[in-house]
Amino acid sequence: MTVEKENITPELIGSLELKEQPYFIRSMNYPGFRIKVNPKGRISFITYGRIHFGGNPRTITHGTTKTLSLDEAISKHIQCSRLLEQGKDPNLMKKSKNKQYSIGLNLENIAMQFIFDKEQKSEYSKNYADQCKTYLLKNKLQPLLTKNINQISTELITEWYKSLEETPTAANNALQFLSSVFSYAQTLNLIDTNSNPASIIRKLNLTYPTIRRDRQIDLESELPKILYRLWDPMNTHTVNRVTRNAIYLLLISGLKKSDVLNLKWGQISNKKFIKFKRRNNIQVYPINEYIQDVLDDMENIYKGKKGFNFKKAEDWVFRSPKNPSKNINNLRKTLNIYSTDIDWVIYPETFRKTFAKVADLAGIPRTHFYSLLGIKKPNYTYESIGSNNIHYNDLKKSLNKIHQAFDKLCPMQLPGIDQPLRHFMFNNNSNISML
């Protein structure tokens, strides 16, 4: 029930009767100002109104007659009315003030709260949330972490951004994340609604150009150079052989980077095939002499070394040269070396796309193409080679055709020698410098 009164006075408040149900006294002089009378005797001052430009009505409670005088309540009502006219939610501002004191105003605290909220709403997966915390925030944004978010200017962000020119993709991802954190801070009213320096930089097109993920290695001019550098007979690049073998396997198999770098000896079965767990199936990849060359070389590298046993199922095939207890997890620096004299930097996905291109040239059956790349063709499901009705030997023959196409594209460029580069890469007499 609502009762309208033209003038609300302290005397009127003191004479209000208690009823079985709460009721409201509405002021005619101050639109939106109301007094709520609770059956238990609590009398509260509230403002009831809509935010400018629409939205649901807001009820803002200022306090009770025990904590506020009538004049103080009217003053708070006038302030709230002005905020509503400006399109601001006083309730949200009140909550943000409490949150502001609880999380602090430095970038790290606000960003961590932002990630936590995203994870709670299932907008970020746990893996992506961890990536944001450990890599984008603690690593790439580290110079800005301790700064008050209101003190992070456009100039400061520009200086930080330019310092990441060697890792342009990571710089762009970190800038995008930073912009999201600023937008989040705006919703909490921690910063001015028109202040997002990260967005300003993006609007000015100061971001690094995005890497083209669909780019492939040119088979005539670039592929022979890369294979020759992988061989590296004079050891001019001083690339560790374990890393070299991992990159070579990426090129000749078309497997994903994560499949190769996370490969364990337990996935390799009797020199016949390698198993990879997929979301809804298991991919079985055949091993021919080209793939076996890499695996044999990895066995030779670890043979006789203390603490290594390549026969253990849980052991990594490609161990980190710096920390043998872990696998290789970053190929960026090595791929920069192999990109010398090429007008773009090779990235791991390039090898998979190049393999697919050569597979097309080799003319293998399309079902074999999808099986080797671990791609599920539309309306085409499988769990293993057997359920595919693709015989193991047939799939292996298709892989051989692809590798023969590689050999034709990149023969050994020396007169009178017909062997492909692969023969020399894993020939101990020709490869002593790489051991």
Protein backbone atom coordinates (compact mmCIF):
# COMPACT_ATOMS: atom_id res chain seq x y z
CA MET A 1 0.00 0.00 0.00
CA THR A 2 1.23 3.49 -0.86
CA VAL A 3 0.00 6.74 0.72
CA GLU A 4 0.79 10.09 -0.93
CA LYS A 5 1.69 13.08 1.26
CA GLU A 6 2.53 16.56 -0.01
CA ASN A 7 4.77 17.47 2.90
CA ILE A 8 6.73 14.94 4.89
CA THR A 9 7.80 16.31 8.25
CA PRO A 10 9.47 14.86 11.36
CA GLU A 11 6.10 15.20 13.11
CA LEU A 12 4.42 13.12 10.38
CA ILE A 13 7.08 10.42 10.72
CA GLY A 14 6.62 10.35 14.48
CA SER A 15 2.85 9.85 14.10
CA LEU A 16 2.99 6.94 11.63
CA GLU A 17 1.01 3.86 12.65
CA LEU A 18 2.29 0.30 12.39
CA LYS A 19 0.21 -2.12 10.32
CA GLU A 20 0.25 -5.85 9.64
CA GLN A 21 1.80 -5.31 6.20
CA PRO A 22 4.58 -2.87 5.22
CA TYR A 23 3.39 0.29 3.48
CA PHE A 24 4.91 3.37 1.85
CA ILE A 25 4.53 7.12 2.27
CA ARG A 26 5.24 8.84 -1.07
CA SER A 27 6.33 12.46 -1.23
CA MET A 28 4.67 14.73 -3.77
CA ASN A 29 7.34 17.44 -3.40
CA TYR A 30 10.30 15.10 -4.04
CA PRO A 31 9.38 12.64 -6.82
CA GLY A 32 10.70 9.16 -6.10
CA PHE A 33 11.31 9.81 -2.39
CA ARG A 34 9.47 7.36 -0.15
CA ILE A 35 9.27 6.25 3.45
CA LYS A 36 8.80 2.54 4.13
CA VAL A 37 7.03 1.58 7.35
CA ASN A 38 7.80 -1.97 8.49
CA PRO A 39 5.35 -3.89 10.75
CA LYS A 40 8.14 -4.32 13.33
CA GLY A 41 8.61 -0.56 13.63
CA ARG A 42 11.59 0.08 11.34
CA ILE A 43 11.05 3.20 9.23
CA SER A 44 13.38 3.54 6.21
CA PHE A 45 14.13 6.31 3.71
CA ILE A 46 14.33 5.10 0.09
CA THR A 47 14.56 6.42 -3.46
CA TYR A 48 12.56 4.67 -6.18
CA GLY A 49 13.31 5.51 -9.83
CA ARG A 50 14.54 4.43 -13.24
CA ILE A 51 17.96 4.96 -14.74
CA HIS A 52 17.94 7.43 -17.62
CA PHE A 53 17.63 5.65 -21.04
CA GLY A 54 15.46 2.90 -19.52
CA GLY A 55 16.01 -0.22 -17.46
CA ASN A 56 14.13 -1.71 -14.53
CA PRO A 57 13.21 0.56 -11.60
CA ARG A 58 15.82 0.77 -8.83
CA THR A 59 15.13 0.85 -5.11
CA ILE A 60 17.94 2.56 -3.18
CA THR A 61 17.78 2.41 0.61
CA HIS A 62 19.51 5.31 2.38
CA GLY A 63 19.01 4.31 6.01
CA THR A 64 16.46 4.37 8.83
CA THR A 65 15.11 7.10 11.08
CA LYS A 66 17.61 5.91 13.71
CA THR A 67 20.62 6.63 11.49
CA LEU A 68 19.45 9.56 9.36
CA SER A 69 17.50 12.75 9.90
CA LEU A 70 14.80 13.69 7.39
CA ASP A 71 16.97 16.47 5.89
CA GLU A 72 19.91 14.07 5.44
CA ALA A 73 17.63 11.52 3.77
CA ILE A 74 16.24 14.13 1.35
CA SER A 75 19.79 15.24 0.51
CA LYS A 76 20.77 11.63 -0.30
CA HIS A 77 17.61 11.25 -2.38
CA ILE A 78 18.51 14.33 -4.47
CA GLN A 79 22.04 12.95 -5.06
CA CYS A 80 20.61 9.58 -6.16
CA SER A 81 18.12 11.25 -8.48
CA ARG A 82 20.98 13.09 -10.23
CA LEU A 83 22.94 9.85 -10.67
CA LEU A 84 19.89 8.12 -12.16
CA GLU A 85 19.47 11.01 -14.62
CA GLN A 86 23.12 10.53 -15.66
CA GLY A 87 22.46 6.85 -16.39
CA LYS A 88 24.33 5.57 -13.32
CA ASP A 89 23.12 2.92 -10.89
CA PRO A 90 23.64 4.07 -7.25
CA ASN A 91 23.28 0.49 -5.99
CA LEU A 92 26.06 -0.70 -8.29
CA MET A 93 28.25 2.20 -7.24
CA LYS A 94 27.67 1.32 -3.59
CA LYS A 95 28.66 -2.30 -4.24
CA SER A 96 31.70 -1.22 -6.24
CA LYS A 97 32.87 0.95 -3.39
CA ASN A 98 32.79 -2.03 -1.08
CA LYS A 99 34.57 -4.14 -3.70
CA GLN A 100 37.07 -1.36 -4.29
CA TYR A 101 38.17 -1.47 -0.67
CA SER A 102 38.24 -5.26 -0.61
CA ILE A 103 40.26 -5.88 -3.80
CA GLY A 104 42.34 -2.71 -3.95
CA LEU A 105 42.95 -0.57 -7.00
CA ASN A 106 46.19 -1.99 -8.40
CA LEU A 107 45.96 -3.73 -11.77
CA GLU A 108 46.87 -7.20 -10.48
CA ASN A 109 44.07 -7.31 -7.89
CA ILE A 110 41.43 -6.08 -10.33
CA ALA A 111 42.62 -8.46 -13.07
CA MET A 112 42.58 -11.45 -10.70
CA GLN A 113 39.03 -10.55 -9.63
CA PHE A 114 38.05 -10.22 -13.31
CA ILE A 115 39.42 -13.70 -14.10
CA PHE A 116 37.71 -15.15 -11.02
CA ASP A 117 34.34 -13.66 -12.03
CA LYS A 118 34.71 -14.96 -15.61
CA GLU A 119 35.54 -18.44 -14.34
CA GLN A 120 32.58 -18.42 -11.92
CA LYS A 121 30.23 -17.51 -14.79
CA SER A 122 31.76 -20.31 -16.93
CA GLU A 123 32.83 -17.75 -19.52
CA TYR A 124 36.47 -18.82 -19.05
CA SER A 125 37.58 -22.44 -18.79
CA LYS A 126 39.98 -23.37 -16.00
CA ASN A 127 42.82 -23.82 -18.51
CA TYR A 128 42.23 -20.42 -20.10
CA ALA A 129 41.91 -18.76 -16.70
CA ASP A 130 45.26 -20.27 -15.68
CA GLN A 131 46.77 -19.07 -18.96
CA CYS A 132 45.55 -15.52 -18.25
CA LYS A 133 46.98 -15.60 -14.73
CA THR A 134 50.37 -17.17 -15.37
CA TYR A 135 51.23 -15.96 -18.86
CA LEU A 136 49.33 -12.82 -19.83
CA LEU A 137 49.12 -11.28 -16.35
CA LYS A 138 52.19 -12.41 -14.41
CA ASN A 139 54.48 -12.55 -17.45
CA LYS A 140 53.50 -10.13 -20.22
CA LEU A 141 51.77 -7.52 -18.04
CA GLN A 142 54.26 -7.77 -15.19
CA PRO A 143 55.58 -4.15 -15.51
CA LEU A 144 52.05 -2.78 -14.90
CA LEU A 145 50.86 -5.11 -12.12
CA THR A 146 51.58 -2.99 -9.07
CA LYS A 147 50.32 0.29 -10.55
CA ASN A 148 47.02 1.88 -9.56
CA ILE A 149 44.65 1.34 -12.48
CA ASN A 150 43.77 5.05 -12.50
CA GLN A 151 47.46 5.90 -13.01
CA ILE A 152 47.96 3.66 -16.06
CA SER A 153 47.95 6.15 -18.92
CA THR A 154 47.90 5.72 -22.68
CA GLU A 155 51.58 6.73 -22.82
CA LEU A 156 52.51 4.09 -20.21
CA ILE A 157 50.66 1.35 -22.08
CA THR A 158 52.24 2.41 -25.38
CA GLU A 159 55.73 2.19 -23.85
CA TRP A 160 54.95 -1.24 -22.38
CA TYR A 161 53.46 -2.45 -25.65
CA LYS A 162 56.49 -1.43 -27.71
CA SER A 163 58.74 -3.42 -25.36
CA LEU A 164 56.98 -6.61 -26.56
CA GLU A 165 57.76 -6.18 -30.26
CA GLU A 166 59.68 -9.50 -30.30
CA THR A 167 56.51 -11.38 -29.35
CA PRO A 168 53.80 -9.56 -31.35
CA THR A 169 51.08 -12.20 -30.96
CA ALA A 170 51.53 -12.33 -27.19
CA ALA A 171 51.57 -8.52 -27.11
CA ASN A 172 48.24 -8.35 -28.96
CA ASN A 173 46.69 -10.97 -26.67
CA ALA A 174 47.93 -9.14 -23.56
CA LEU A 175 46.59 -5.82 -24.89
CA GLN A 176 43.19 -7.39 -25.56
CA PHE A 177 43.16 -8.84 -22.03
CA LEU A 178 44.18 -5.48 -20.55
CA SER A 179 41.35 -3.76 -22.41
CA SER A 180 38.88 -6.28 -20.95
CA VAL A 181 40.19 -5.61 -17.43
CA PHE A 182 39.71 -1.85 -17.92
CA SER A 183 36.14 -2.44 -19.15
CA TYR A 184 35.51 -4.59 -16.09
CA ALA A 185 36.85 -1.82 -13.84
CA GLN A 186 34.43 0.59 -15.53
CA THR A 187 31.45 -1.61 -14.67
CA LEU A 188 32.58 -1.48 -11.03
CA ASN A 189 32.90 2.31 -11.24
CA LEU A 190 36.55 2.03 -10.27
CA ILE A 191 37.58 4.22 -13.19
CA ASP A 192 35.86 6.84 -15.32
CA THR A 193 33.45 5.38 -17.87
CA ASN A 194 35.26 7.14 -20.71
CA SER A 195 38.73 5.96 -19.67
CA ASN A 196 40.13 2.83 -21.30
CA PRO A 197 43.63 3.59 -22.59
CA ALA A 198 44.03 0.05 -23.94
CA SER A 199 41.02 0.53 -26.23
CA ILE A 200 42.37 3.89 -27.39
CA ILE A 201 45.61 2.22 -28.52
CA ARG A 202 43.68 -0.46 -30.39
CA LYS A 203 41.45 2.14 -32.07
CA LEU A 204 44.54 4.04 -33.26
CA ASN A 205 45.72 0.84 -35.02
CA LEU A 206 48.93 0.71 -33.01
CA THR A 207 48.62 -3.07 -32.67
CA TYR A 208 51.08 -5.41 -34.35
CA PRO A 209 49.81 -7.10 -37.52
CA THR A 210 48.15 -10.42 -36.86
CA ILE A 211 50.06 -13.50 -38.00
CA ARG A 212 48.41 -15.21 -40.93
CA ARG A 213 47.48 -18.65 -39.66
CA ASP A 214 46.63 -19.94 -43.12
CA ARG A 215 50.11 -19.39 -44.54
CA GLN A 216 52.00 -22.38 -45.94
CA ILE A 217 55.63 -22.94 -46.79
CA ASP A 218 56.33 -22.34 -50.46
CA LEU A 219 57.20 -25.79 -51.82
CA GLU A 220 59.64 -24.56 -54.47
CA SER A 221 61.58 -21.74 -52.84
CA GLU A 222 61.17 -22.15 -49.05
CA LEU A 223 60.80 -25.86 -48.31
CA PRO A 224 64.27 -26.87 -49.66
CA LYS A 225 65.88 -24.10 -47.55
CA ILE A 226 64.12 -25.26 -44.39
CA LEU A 227 65.02 -28.92 -44.93
CA TYR A 228 68.64 -28.01 -45.57
CA ARG A 229 68.73 -26.01 -42.33
CA LEU A 230 67.22 -28.95 -40.50
CA TRP A 231 70.09 -31.09 -41.77
CA ASP A 232 72.65 -28.36 -41.01
CA PRO A 233 75.79 -30.35 -41.98
CA MET A 234 78.17 -27.60 -40.80
CA ASN A 235 76.31 -27.10 -37.51
CA THR A 236 76.02 -23.38 -38.21
CA HIS A 237 72.72 -22.99 -36.33
CA THR A 238 73.77 -25.02 -33.24
CA VAL A 239 70.20 -26.29 -32.77
CA ASN A 240 69.86 -29.13 -30.28
CA ARG A 241 69.16 -32.39 -32.08
CA VAL A 242 66.12 -33.17 -29.92
CA THR A 243 64.48 -29.89 -30.94
CA ARG A 244 65.51 -30.43 -34.56
CA ASN A 245 63.90 -33.89 -34.59
CA ALA A 246 60.65 -32.58 -33.09
CA ILE A 247 60.38 -29.91 -35.79
CA TYR A 248 61.21 -32.42 -38.53
CA LEU A 249 58.49 -34.78 -37.25
CA LEU A 250 55.99 -31.90 -37.34
CA LEU A 251 56.83 -31.35 -40.99
CA ILE A 252 56.66 -34.96 -42.22
CA SER A 253 53.69 -36.11 -40.13
CA GLY A 254 51.19 -33.23 -40.20
CA LEU A 255 50.55 -33.83 -36.49
CA LYS A 256 49.62 -30.98 -34.19
CA LYS A 257 52.36 -29.31 -32.18
CA SER A 258 50.83 -30.53 -28.91
CA ASP A 259 50.75 -34.12 -30.24
CA VAL A 260 54.44 -34.11 -31.07
CA LEU A 261 55.78 -32.22 -28.05
CA ASN A 262 53.65 -34.28 -25.62
CA LEU A 263 54.48 -37.59 -27.29
CA LYS A 264 55.45 -40.39 -24.87
CA TRP A 265 57.08 -43.74 -25.56
CA GLY A 266 53.98 -45.54 -24.29
CA GLN A 267 51.99 -44.26 -27.29
CA ILE A 268 54.32 -46.04 -29.74
CA SER A 269 53.32 -49.63 -30.47
CA ASN A 270 55.86 -52.13 -31.89
CA LYS A 271 57.22 -49.73 -34.50
CA LYS A 272 53.87 -49.98 -36.31
CA PHE A 273 51.74 -47.07 -35.18
CA ILE A 274 51.33 -44.21 -32.68
CA LYS A 275 48.10 -43.69 -30.74
CA PHE A 276 46.66 -40.26 -29.99
CA LYS A 277 43.62 -39.74 -27.77
CA ARG A 278 41.04 -37.44 -29.29
CA ARG A 279 37.87 -36.08 -27.71
CA ASN A 280 35.59 -38.85 -29.01
CA ASN A 281 37.96 -41.31 -30.61
CA ILE A 282 41.52 -42.58 -30.88
CA GLN A 283 43.68 -41.66 -33.85
CA VAL A 284 46.08 -44.39 -34.97
CA TYR A 285 49.00 -42.98 -36.95
CA PRO A 286 51.13 -45.42 -39.01
CA ILE A 287 54.90 -45.54 -38.64
CA ASN A 288 56.90 -45.88 -41.85
CA GLU A 289 60.67 -45.65 -42.32
CA TYR A 290 60.56 -41.83 -42.34
CA ILE A 291 58.84 -41.65 -38.96
CA GLN A 292 60.98 -44.50 -37.62
CA ASP A 293 64.15 -42.57 -38.53
CA VAL A 294 63.16 -39.90 -36.01
CA LEU A 295 62.24 -42.38 -33.28
CA ASP A 296 65.44 -44.39 -33.75
CA ASP A 297 67.51 -41.23 -33.55
CA MET A 298 65.77 -40.27 -30.31
CA GLU A 299 66.59 -43.69 -28.87
CA ASN A 300 70.24 -43.24 -29.85
CA ILE A 301 70.34 -39.83 -28.16
CA TYR A 302 69.10 -41.21 -24.84
CA LYS A 303 70.92 -44.56 -24.93
CA GLY A 304 73.53 -44.90 -22.22
CA LYS A 305 72.59 -41.64 -20.51
CA LYS A 306 72.13 -41.94 -16.76
CA GLY A 307 68.55 -41.58 -15.59
CA PHE A 308 67.05 -42.13 -19.05
CA ASN A 309 64.98 -45.09 -20.10
CA PHE A 310 63.16 -44.55 -23.36
CA LYS A 311 61.21 -47.75 -22.81
CA LYS A 312 59.26 -46.28 -19.91
CA ALA A 313 55.72 -45.60 -21.13
CA GLU A 314 55.43 -42.31 -19.21
CA ASP A 315 58.74 -40.86 -20.48
CA TRP A 316 58.69 -38.00 -22.97
CA VAL A 317 60.09 -38.67 -26.44
CA PHE A 318 61.21 -35.06 -26.85
CA ARG A 319 62.71 -33.99 -23.53
CA SER A 320 63.66 -30.39 -22.86
CA PRO A 321 67.45 -30.01 -23.40
CA LYS A 322 67.62 -27.62 -20.43
CA ASN A 323 65.35 -29.57 -18.09
CA PRO A 324 65.21 -33.29 -19.04
CA SER A 325 62.48 -33.96 -16.48
CA LYS A 326 60.09 -31.99 -18.72
CA ASN A 327 59.21 -32.07 -22.39
CA ILE A 328 59.95 -29.36 -24.96
CA ASN A 329 57.20 -26.75 -24.80
CA ASN A 330 58.44 -23.84 -26.90
CA LEU A 331 59.82 -23.87 -30.44
CA ARG A 332 59.65 -20.13 -31.12
CA LYS A 333 63.38 -19.35 -30.85
CA THR A 334 64.38 -22.31 -33.01
CA LEU A 335 61.78 -21.50 -35.65
CA ASN A 336 63.17 -17.96 -35.80
CA ILE A 337 66.53 -19.52 -36.71
CA TYR A 338 64.98 -21.68 -39.43
CA SER A 339 63.15 -18.63 -40.82
CA THR A 340 66.39 -16.91 -41.86
CA ASP A 341 66.18 -15.47 -45.43
CA ILE A 342 62.40 -15.96 -45.40
CA ASP A 343 60.25 -12.82 -45.26
CA TRP A 344 58.02 -14.21 -42.48
CA VAL A 345 58.51 -16.20 -39.29
CA ILE A 346 57.51 -19.85 -39.45
CA TYR A 347 55.08 -21.02 -36.78
CA PRO A 348 54.28 -24.65 -35.83
CA GLU A 349 50.86 -24.71 -37.53
CA THR A 350 52.63 -23.94 -40.82
CA PHE A 351 54.09 -27.46 -40.94
CA ARG A 352 50.68 -29.09 -40.56
CA LYS A 353 49.20 -26.98 -43.36
CA THR A 354 52.22 -27.66 -45.58
CA PHE A 355 51.89 -31.42 -44.97
CA ALA A 356 48.21 -31.18 -45.98
CA LYS A 357 49.21 -29.35 -49.16
CA VAL A 358 51.74 -32.04 -50.11
CA ALA A 359 49.18 -34.74 -49.26
CA ASP A 360 46.81 -33.14 -51.78
CA LEU A 361 49.56 -33.15 -54.41
CA ALA A 362 50.27 -36.82 -53.69
CA GLY A 363 46.68 -37.67 -54.61
CA ILE A 364 45.92 -40.00 -51.69
CA PRO A 365 42.29 -41.03 -50.96
CA ARG A 366 40.35 -38.40 -49.05
CA THR A 367 39.52 -40.78 -46.23
CA HIS A 368 43.27 -41.39 -45.76
CA PHE A 369 43.86 -37.63 -45.78
CA TYR A 370 41.40 -37.11 -42.92
CA SER A 371 42.76 -40.10 -40.99
CA LEU A 372 46.37 -38.90 -41.14
CA LEU A 373 45.43 -35.38 -40.06
CA GLY A 374 43.08 -36.62 -37.33
CA ILE A 375 40.23 -34.59 -38.81
CA LYS A 376 36.65 -35.79 -38.60
CA LYS A 377 35.04 -35.46 -42.00
CA PRO A 378 31.41 -34.21 -41.99
CA ASN A 379 29.05 -37.15 -41.30
CA TYR A 380 32.10 -39.36 -40.89
CA THR A 381 32.94 -40.92 -37.51
CA TYR A 382 35.59 -43.37 -36.44
CA GLU A 383 37.30 -44.73 -33.36
CA SER A 384 40.26 -46.49 -34.89
CA ILE A 385 41.63 -47.58 -38.21
CA GLY A 386 39.69 -50.85 -37.97
CA SER A 387 36.31 -49.17 -37.59
CA ASN A 388 37.28 -46.92 -40.51
CA ASN A 389 37.51 -49.89 -42.83
CA ILE A 390 40.90 -48.47 -43.80
CA HIS A 391 43.49 -51.20 -43.74
CA TYR A 392 46.65 -50.28 -41.83
CA ASN A 393 48.89 -51.08 -44.81
CA ASP A 394 46.78 -48.91 -47.13
CA LEU A 395 47.12 -45.93 -44.80
CA LYS A 396 50.86 -46.53 -44.55
CA LYS A 397 51.10 -46.61 -48.36
CA SER A 398 49.39 -43.23 -48.53
CA LEU A 399 51.87 -41.83 -45.99
CA ASN A 400 54.72 -43.20 -48.12
CA LYS A 401 53.31 -41.41 -51.17
CA ILE A 402 53.31 -38.13 -49.27
CA HIS A 403 56.92 -38.60 -48.17
CA GLN A 404 57.98 -39.52 -51.69
CA ALA A 405 56.39 -36.24 -52.83
CA PHE A 406 58.49 -34.43 -50.20
CA ASP A 407 61.62 -36.12 -51.59
CA LYS A 408 60.81 -35.02 -55.13
CA LEU A 409 60.29 -31.46 -53.99
CA CYS A 410 63.51 -31.37 -51.97
CA PRO A 411 66.20 -33.68 -53.35
CA MET A 412 69.83 -33.49 -52.29
CA GLN A 413 71.23 -30.66 -54.41
CA LEU A 414 74.62 -32.24 -55.22
CA PRO A 415 75.71 -33.66 -58.60
CA GLY A 416 75.74 -37.44 -58.81
CA ILE A 417 73.91 -38.00 -55.51
CA ASP A 418 70.33 -39.25 -55.68
CA GLN A 419 69.57 -39.75 -51.99
CA PRO A 420 67.15 -37.29 -50.42
CA LEU A 421 68.15 -35.07 -47.51
CA ARG A 422 66.55 -37.52 -45.07
CA HIS A 423 69.32 -40.00 -45.82
CA PHE A 424 71.95 -37.52 -44.64
CA MET A 425 70.03 -36.11 -41.68
CA PHE A 426 70.13 -39.41 -39.82
CA ASN A 427 73.34 -40.84 -41.25
CA ASN A 428 75.86 -40.87 -38.39
CA ASN A 429 78.84 -40.32 -40.69
CA SER A 430 77.24 -37.24 -42.19
CA ASN A 431 75.80 -35.94 -38.97
CA ILE A 432 78.65 -36.09 -36.47
CA SER A 433 78.57 -32.33 -35.89
CA MET A 434 74.97 -32.51 -34.68
CA LEU A 435 75.60 -35.07 -31.97
